[in-house]
Amino acid sequence: MDKNTALWRQYYERVSRQPHHPLTEFAAARHAATCRVAIDCGCGTGSDTAYLSHLGYRVHPFDINPFDINPDAIDLCRHRFGHHPGVEVSLGSFESFDYPRAGLIIANASLYFAEPTSFADTWLRIADALESGGIFAGHFMGPEDDWASASRHTINALARHQVEALFTRFDILRFSERNEPGQTALGKSKHWHTYSVVAVRRG
């Protein structure tokens, strides 16, 4: 096992013990649209998927083998939700996933890894999948984040005005920016620059 694979495995072991993200709970509490279908983009070990399934959503979680080396996330999700008829786990990327019509789309700490050169098309497909009144909740990475310039992987970093421009067809419920030193899930020091967004799709 190489070092990068080992790091991802440690990461999934750590986050698998965490509860769902507060942003997911905030979005679900404000979801008034009739479509009870949710998409969990970059689902990881499935904490948000489990929460949404418990609320009665039909959930479509998807993730990739991180950088084509580590199938742990999808394997964990398939094992975790193997007997849940309301959860359909898929192996796929932001670019390849076939987005169903949904009332709620979650992308917590995952859009960082969308392919930058095709992100405009990816975002259009995500936005078009939401029904009128549906909610998007997720995170975007800013250019001052350590990973934006020092990651071994391609990072989709956006300036604040670029993130705001994505939501011309939405009403913003929450928009916050984090730009400060912190730690990763594995306890490593890191400067974070991210945006958290919850927004309702207009008709």
C-alpha atoms as a PDB file:
ATOM      1  CA  MET A   1       0.000   0.000   0.000  1.00  0.00           C
ATOM      2  CA  ASP A   2       1.511   3.361  -0.999  1.00  0.00           C
ATOM      3  CA  LYS A   3       1.501   6.443   1.230  1.00  0.00           C
ATOM      4  CA  ASN A   4      -1.390   8.184  -0.547  1.00  0.00           C
ATOM      5  CA  THR A   5      -3.639   5.118  -0.326  1.00  0.00           C
ATOM      6  CA  ALA A   6      -2.810   4.768   3.370  1.00  0.00           C
ATOM      7  CA  LEU A   7      -3.723   8.413   4.009  1.00  0.00           C
ATOM      8  CA  TRP A   8      -7.117   8.027   2.322  1.00  0.00           C
ATOM      9  CA  ARG A   9      -7.780   4.863   4.320  1.00  0.00           C
ATOM     10  CA  GLN A  10      -6.952   6.674   7.567  1.00  0.00           C
ATOM     11  CA  TYR A  11      -9.221   9.529   6.497  1.00  0.00           C
ATOM     12  CA  TYR A  12     -12.200   7.256   5.822  1.00  0.00           C
ATOM     13  CA  GLU A  13     -11.668   5.401   9.095  1.00  0.00           C
ATOM     14  CA  ARG A  14     -11.777   8.729  10.918  1.00  0.00           C
ATOM     15  CA  VAL A  15     -14.773  10.304   9.153  1.00  0.00           C
ATOM     16  CA  SER A  16     -16.839   7.094   9.226  1.00  0.00           C
ATOM     17  CA  ARG A  17     -17.272   7.724  12.940  1.00  0.00           C
ATOM     18  CA  GLN A  18     -18.538  11.282  12.443  1.00  0.00           C
ATOM     19  CA  PRO A  19     -22.225  12.312  12.337  1.00  0.00           C
ATOM     20  CA  HIS A  20     -23.858  13.994   9.373  1.00  0.00           C
ATOM     21  CA  HIS A  21     -22.743  17.513   8.462  1.00  0.00           C
ATOM     22  CA  PRO A  22     -24.641  20.433  10.107  1.00  0.00           C
ATOM     23  CA  LEU A  23     -25.060  22.020   6.664  1.00  0.00           C
ATOM     24  CA  THR A  24     -27.060  18.969   5.571  1.00  0.00           C
ATOM     25  CA  GLU A  25     -29.355  19.282   8.576  1.00  0.00           C
ATOM     26  CA  PHE A  26     -29.806  23.015   7.948  1.00  0.00           C
ATOM     27  CA  ALA A  27     -30.761  22.395   4.319  1.00  0.00           C
ATOM     28  CA  ALA A  28     -33.112  19.489   5.012  1.00  0.00           C
ATOM     29  CA  ALA A  29     -34.955  21.486   7.674  1.00  0.00           C
ATOM     30  CA  ARG A  30     -35.715  24.172   5.091  1.00  0.00           C
ATOM     31  CA  HIS A  31     -36.627  21.903   2.213  1.00  0.00           C
ATOM     32  CA  ALA A  32     -40.303  22.492   1.406  1.00  0.00           C
ATOM     33  CA  ALA A  33     -40.420  21.143  -2.165  1.00  0.00           C
ATOM     34  CA  THR A  34     -42.448  18.028  -2.912  1.00  0.00           C
ATOM     35  CA  CYS A  35     -39.618  15.930  -4.417  1.00  0.00           C
ATOM     36  CA  ARG A  36     -38.205  13.691  -1.684  1.00  0.00           C
ATOM     37  CA  VAL A  37     -35.190  12.625  -3.721  1.00  0.00           C
ATOM     38  CA  ALA A  38     -31.700  13.628  -2.585  1.00  0.00           C
ATOM     39  CA  ILE A  39     -28.264  13.363  -4.215  1.00  0.00           C
ATOM     40  CA  ASP A  40     -25.179  13.066  -2.017  1.00  0.00           C
ATOM     41  CA  CYS A  41     -22.254  14.160  -4.193  1.00  0.00           C
ATOM     42  CA  GLY A  42     -18.921  12.758  -3.063  1.00  0.00           C
ATOM     43  CA  CYS A  43     -20.686  10.735  -0.378  1.00  0.00           C
ATOM     44  CA  GLY A  44     -17.567   9.432   1.372  1.00  0.00           C
ATOM     45  CA  THR A  45     -18.582   6.903   4.002  1.00  0.00           C
ATOM     46  CA  GLY A  46     -22.243   7.931   3.848  1.00  0.00           C
ATOM     47  CA  SER A  47     -22.943   9.935   7.024  1.00  0.00           C
ATOM     48  CA  ASP A  48     -25.128  12.453   5.176  1.00  0.00           C
ATOM     49  CA  THR A  49     -26.773   9.683   3.170  1.00  0.00           C
ATOM     50  CA  ALA A  50     -27.744   7.847   6.368  1.00  0.00           C
ATOM     51  CA  TYR A  51     -29.240  11.021   7.839  1.00  0.00           C
ATOM     52  CA  LEU A  52     -31.265  11.824   4.719  1.00  0.00           C
ATOM     53  CA  SER A  53     -32.474   8.240   4.404  1.00  0.00           C
ATOM     54  CA  HIS A  54     -33.642   8.390   8.021  1.00  0.00           C
ATOM     55  CA  LEU A  55     -35.659  11.497   7.113  1.00  0.00           C
ATOM     56  CA  GLY A  56     -37.445   9.567   4.390  1.00  0.00           C
ATOM     57  CA  TYR A  57     -35.547  10.694   1.309  1.00  0.00           C
ATOM     58  CA  ARG A  58     -34.718   8.370  -1.550  1.00  0.00           C
ATOM     59  CA  VAL A  59     -30.977   8.996  -1.703  1.00  0.00           C
ATOM     60  CA  HIS A  60     -28.548   8.688  -4.616  1.00  0.00           C
ATOM     61  CA  PRO A  61     -25.026   8.848  -3.129  1.00  0.00           C
ATOM     62  CA  PHE A  62     -22.034   8.679  -5.433  1.00  0.00           C
ATOM     63  CA  ASP A  63     -18.266   8.888  -5.158  1.00  0.00           C
ATOM     64  CA  ILE A  64     -15.190   7.897  -7.086  1.00  0.00           C
ATOM     65  CA  ASN A  65     -12.290   5.675  -6.204  1.00  0.00           C
ATOM     66  CA  PRO A  66     -10.336   8.686  -4.896  1.00  0.00           C
ATOM     67  CA  PHE A  67      -7.923   9.513  -7.686  1.00  0.00           C
ATOM     68  CA  ASP A  68      -8.459   5.955  -9.009  1.00  0.00           C
ATOM     69  CA  ILE A  69      -6.512   4.346  -6.196  1.00  0.00           C
ATOM     70  CA  ASN A  70      -8.825   3.711  -3.260  1.00  0.00           C
ATOM     71  CA  PRO A  71     -12.233   2.037  -3.505  1.00  0.00           C
ATOM     72  CA  ASP A  72     -12.841   2.159   0.254  1.00  0.00           C
ATOM     73  CA  ALA A  73     -15.516   4.878   0.255  1.00  0.00           C
ATOM     74  CA  ILE A  74     -17.839   3.162  -2.203  1.00  0.00           C
ATOM     75  CA  ASP A  75     -17.186  -0.266  -0.689  1.00  0.00           C
ATOM     76  CA  LEU A  76     -18.077   1.085   2.747  1.00  0.00           C
ATOM     77  CA  CYS A  77     -21.252   2.717   1.448  1.00  0.00           C
ATOM     78  CA  ARG A  78     -22.374  -0.350  -0.461  1.00  0.00           C
ATOM     79  CA  HIS A  79     -21.895  -2.475   2.643  1.00  0.00           C
ATOM     80  CA  ARG A  80     -23.575   0.122   4.889  1.00  0.00           C
ATOM     81  CA  PHE A  81     -26.638   0.594   2.664  1.00  0.00           C
ATOM     82  CA  GLY A  82     -26.841  -2.817   1.033  1.00  0.00           C
ATOM     83  CA  HIS A  83     -30.217  -3.519   2.641  1.00  0.00           C
ATOM     84  CA  HIS A  84     -31.671  -0.022   2.250  1.00  0.00           C
ATOM     85  CA  PRO A  85     -34.077  -0.065  -0.722  1.00  0.00           C
ATOM     86  CA  GLY A  86     -34.251   3.739  -0.623  1.00  0.00           C
ATOM     87  CA  VAL A  87     -30.498   4.196  -1.147  1.00  0.00           C
ATOM     88  CA  GLU A  88     -28.851   3.623  -4.529  1.00  0.00           C
ATOM     89  CA  VAL A  89     -25.060   3.880  -4.269  1.00  0.00           C
ATOM     90  CA  SER A  90     -23.134   4.636  -7.470  1.00  0.00           C
ATOM     91  CA  LEU A  91     -19.486   4.744  -8.483  1.00  0.00           C
ATOM     92  CA  GLY A  92     -19.034   7.928 -10.472  1.00  0.00           C
ATOM     93  CA  SER A  93     -17.489  11.362 -10.712  1.00  0.00           C
ATOM     94  CA  PHE A  94     -19.096  14.787 -10.841  1.00  0.00           C
ATOM     95  CA  GLU A  95     -18.543  14.691 -14.577  1.00  0.00           C
ATOM     96  CA  SER A  96     -19.912  11.188 -15.282  1.00  0.00           C
ATOM     97  CA  PHE A  97     -22.786  10.832 -12.805  1.00  0.00           C
ATOM     98  CA  ASP A  98     -26.289  10.802 -14.309  1.00  0.00           C
ATOM     99  CA  TYR A  99     -28.074  13.266 -12.022  1.00  0.00           C
ATOM    100  CA  PRO A 100     -31.722  12.329 -11.401  1.00  0.00           C
ATOM    101  CA  ARG A 101     -34.387  14.950 -10.734  1.00  0.00           C
ATOM    102  CA  ALA A 102     -33.976  15.905  -7.071  1.00  0.00           C
ATOM    103  CA  GLY A 103     -35.329  18.126  -4.355  1.00  0.00           C
ATOM    104  CA  LEU A 104     -32.074  18.251  -2.386  1.00  0.00           C
ATOM    105  CA  ILE A 105     -28.457  18.088  -3.540  1.00  0.00           C
ATOM    106  CA  ILE A 106     -25.635  17.849  -1.007  1.00  0.00           C
ATOM    107  CA  ALA A 107     -21.956  18.406  -1.893  1.00  0.00           C
ATOM    108  CA  ASN A 108     -20.084  18.662   1.381  1.00  0.00           C
ATOM    109  CA  ALA A 109     -16.290  19.027   1.024  1.00  0.00           C
ATOM    110  CA  SER A 110     -16.358  17.352  -2.381  1.00  0.00           C
ATOM    111  CA  LEU A 111     -16.691  19.947  -5.157  1.00  0.00           C
ATOM    112  CA  TYR A 112     -13.058  20.844  -4.425  1.00  0.00           C
ATOM    113  CA  PHE A 113     -12.168  17.790  -6.492  1.00  0.00           C
ATOM    114  CA  ALA A 114     -14.393  18.403  -9.517  1.00  0.00           C
ATOM    115  CA  GLU A 115     -12.466  18.772 -12.769  1.00  0.00           C
ATOM    116  CA  PRO A 116     -11.872  22.550 -13.208  1.00  0.00           C
ATOM    117  CA  THR A 117     -11.819  22.496 -17.008  1.00  0.00           C
ATOM    118  CA  SER A 118     -15.359  21.085 -17.193  1.00  0.00           C
ATOM    119  CA  PHE A 119     -16.795  22.587 -14.026  1.00  0.00           C
ATOM    120  CA  ALA A 120     -19.105  25.033 -15.837  1.00  0.00           C
ATOM    121  CA  ASP A 121     -20.878  22.109 -17.491  1.00  0.00           C
ATOM    122  CA  THR A 122     -20.839  20.071 -14.278  1.00  0.00           C
ATOM    123  CA  TRP A 123     -22.456  22.886 -12.327  1.00  0.00           C
ATOM    124  CA  LEU A 124     -25.118  23.375 -15.017  1.00  0.00           C
ATOM    125  CA  ARG A 125     -26.052  19.697 -14.736  1.00  0.00           C
ATOM    126  CA  ILE A 126     -26.241  19.931 -10.943  1.00  0.00           C
ATOM    127  CA  ALA A 127     -28.413  23.053 -11.034  1.00  0.00           C
ATOM    128  CA  ASP A 128     -30.670  21.634 -13.741  1.00  0.00           C
ATOM    129  CA  ALA A 129     -31.258  18.479 -11.686  1.00  0.00           C
ATOM    130  CA  LEU A 130     -32.875  20.487  -8.898  1.00  0.00           C
ATOM    131  CA  GLU A 131     -36.615  21.008  -9.122  1.00  0.00           C
ATOM    132  CA  SER A 132     -38.078  24.459  -8.503  1.00  0.00           C
ATOM    133  CA  GLY A 133     -37.871  25.042  -4.765  1.00  0.00           C
ATOM    134  CA  GLY A 134     -35.169  22.409  -4.373  1.00  0.00           C
ATOM    135  CA  ILE A 135     -32.126  23.115  -2.229  1.00  0.00           C
ATOM    136  CA  PHE A 136     -28.394  22.886  -2.865  1.00  0.00           C
ATOM    137  CA  ALA A 137     -26.023  22.706   0.104  1.00  0.00           C
ATOM    138  CA  GLY A 138     -22.281  22.380  -0.201  1.00  0.00           C
ATOM    139  CA  HIS A 139     -18.765  23.764  -0.052  1.00  0.00           C
ATOM    140  CA  PHE A 140     -16.393  25.386  -2.517  1.00  0.00           C
ATOM    141  CA  MET A 141     -12.657  25.963  -2.123  1.00  0.00           C
ATOM    142  CA  GLY A 142     -11.091  29.419  -2.316  1.00  0.00           C
ATOM    143  CA  PRO A 143      -7.724  30.333  -3.873  1.00  0.00           C
ATOM    144  CA  GLU A 144      -5.994  31.019  -0.530  1.00  0.00           C
ATOM    145  CA  ASP A 145      -6.487  27.457   0.704  1.00  0.00           C
ATOM    146  CA  ASP A 146      -3.248  25.468   1.079  1.00  0.00           C
ATOM    147  CA  TRP A 147      -4.632  22.742  -1.177  1.00  0.00           C
ATOM    148  CA  ALA A 148      -5.309  25.221  -3.984  1.00  0.00           C
ATOM    149  CA  SER A 149      -1.578  25.541  -4.648  1.00  0.00           C
ATOM    150  CA  ALA A 150       0.095  22.654  -2.829  1.00  0.00           C
ATOM    151  CA  SER A 151      -2.056  19.571  -3.439  1.00  0.00           C
ATOM    152  CA  ARG A 152      -0.849  16.513  -5.317  1.00  0.00           C
ATOM    153  CA  HIS A 153      -4.239  16.495  -7.038  1.00  0.00           C
ATOM    154  CA  THR A 154      -6.128  18.899  -9.262  1.00  0.00           C
ATOM    155  CA  ILE A 155      -8.177  21.282  -7.120  1.00  0.00           C
ATOM    156  CA  ASN A 156     -11.179  23.287  -8.285  1.00  0.00           C
ATOM    157  CA  ALA A 157     -10.483  26.594  -6.500  1.00  0.00           C
ATOM    158  CA  LEU A 158     -12.836  29.540  -7.019  1.00  0.00           C
ATOM    159  CA  ALA A 159     -12.805  33.193  -5.987  1.00  0.00           C
ATOM    160  CA  ARG A 160     -15.783  34.486  -4.036  1.00  0.00           C
ATOM    161  CA  HIS A 161     -17.268  36.293  -7.040  1.00  0.00           C
ATOM    162  CA  GLN A 162     -17.044  33.089  -9.073  1.00  0.00           C
ATOM    163  CA  VAL A 163     -18.983  31.163  -6.433  1.00  0.00           C
ATOM    164  CA  GLU A 164     -21.605  33.903  -6.193  1.00  0.00           C
ATOM    165  CA  ALA A 165     -22.010  33.837  -9.988  1.00  0.00           C
ATOM    166  CA  LEU A 166     -23.032  30.174  -9.818  1.00  0.00           C
ATOM    167  CA  PHE A 167     -26.210  31.088  -7.939  1.00  0.00           C
ATOM    168  CA  THR A 168     -27.945  33.533 -10.290  1.00  0.00           C
ATOM    169  CA  ARG A 169     -30.882  31.112 -10.499  1.00  0.00           C
ATOM    170  CA  PHE A 170     -31.037  30.635  -6.730  1.00  0.00           C
ATOM    171  CA  ASP A 171     -32.087  32.472  -3.594  1.00  0.00           C
ATOM    172  CA  ILE A 172     -29.289  32.287  -1.017  1.00  0.00           C
ATOM    173  CA  LEU A 173     -30.257  31.020   2.428  1.00  0.00           C
ATOM    174  CA  ARG A 174     -26.726  30.917   3.835  1.00  0.00           C
ATOM    175  CA  PHE A 175     -23.340  32.015   2.487  1.00  0.00           C
ATOM    176  CA  SER A 176     -20.296  31.980   4.735  1.00  0.00           C
ATOM    177  CA  GLU A 177     -16.566  32.182   4.076  1.00  0.00           C
ATOM    178  CA  ARG A 178     -13.828  30.558   6.149  1.00  0.00           C
ATOM    179  CA  ASN A 179     -10.285  31.841   5.689  1.00  0.00           C
ATOM    180  CA  GLU A 180      -8.128  30.772   8.625  1.00  0.00           C
ATOM    181  CA  PRO A 181      -5.586  28.250   9.904  1.00  0.00           C
ATOM    182  CA  GLY A 182      -7.026  24.938  11.032  1.00  0.00           C
ATOM    183  CA  GLN A 183      -6.603  21.185  10.829  1.00  0.00           C
ATOM    184  CA  THR A 184      -7.590  18.387   8.473  1.00  0.00           C
ATOM    185  CA  ALA A 185      -9.664  15.401   9.594  1.00  0.00           C
ATOM    186  CA  LEU A 186      -6.367  13.639  10.276  1.00  0.00           C
ATOM    187  CA  GLY A 187      -5.141  16.423  12.556  1.00  0.00           C
ATOM    188  CA  LYS A 188      -2.648  17.958  10.102  1.00  0.00           C
ATOM    189  CA  SER A 189      -2.175  21.736  10.170  1.00  0.00           C
ATOM    190  CA  LYS A 190      -3.659  23.455   7.135  1.00  0.00           C
ATOM    191  CA  HIS A 191      -4.878  26.888   6.050  1.00  0.00           C
ATOM    192  CA  TRP A 192      -8.531  26.641   5.056  1.00  0.00           C
ATOM    193  CA  HIS A 193     -10.237  28.943   2.578  1.00  0.00           C
ATOM    194  CA  THR A 194     -13.720  27.660   1.805  1.00  0.00           C
ATOM    195  CA  TYR A 195     -17.242  28.868   1.135  1.00  0.00           C
ATOM    196  CA  SER A 196     -20.356  27.189   2.557  1.00  0.00           C
ATOM    197  CA  VAL A 197     -23.546  27.760   0.578  1.00  0.00           C
ATOM    198  CA  VAL A 198     -27.187  26.785   1.014  1.00  0.00           C
ATOM    199  CA  ALA A 199     -29.502  28.040  -1.705  1.00  0.00           C
ATOM    200  CA  VAL A 200     -33.009  27.457  -3.096  1.00  0.00           C
ATOM    201  CA  ARG A 201     -33.522  26.937  -6.815  1.00  0.00           C
ATOM    202  CA  ARG A 202     -35.983  29.394  -8.291  1.00  0.00           C
ATOM    203  CA  GLY A 203     -38.565  28.309 -10.888  1.00  0.00           C
END
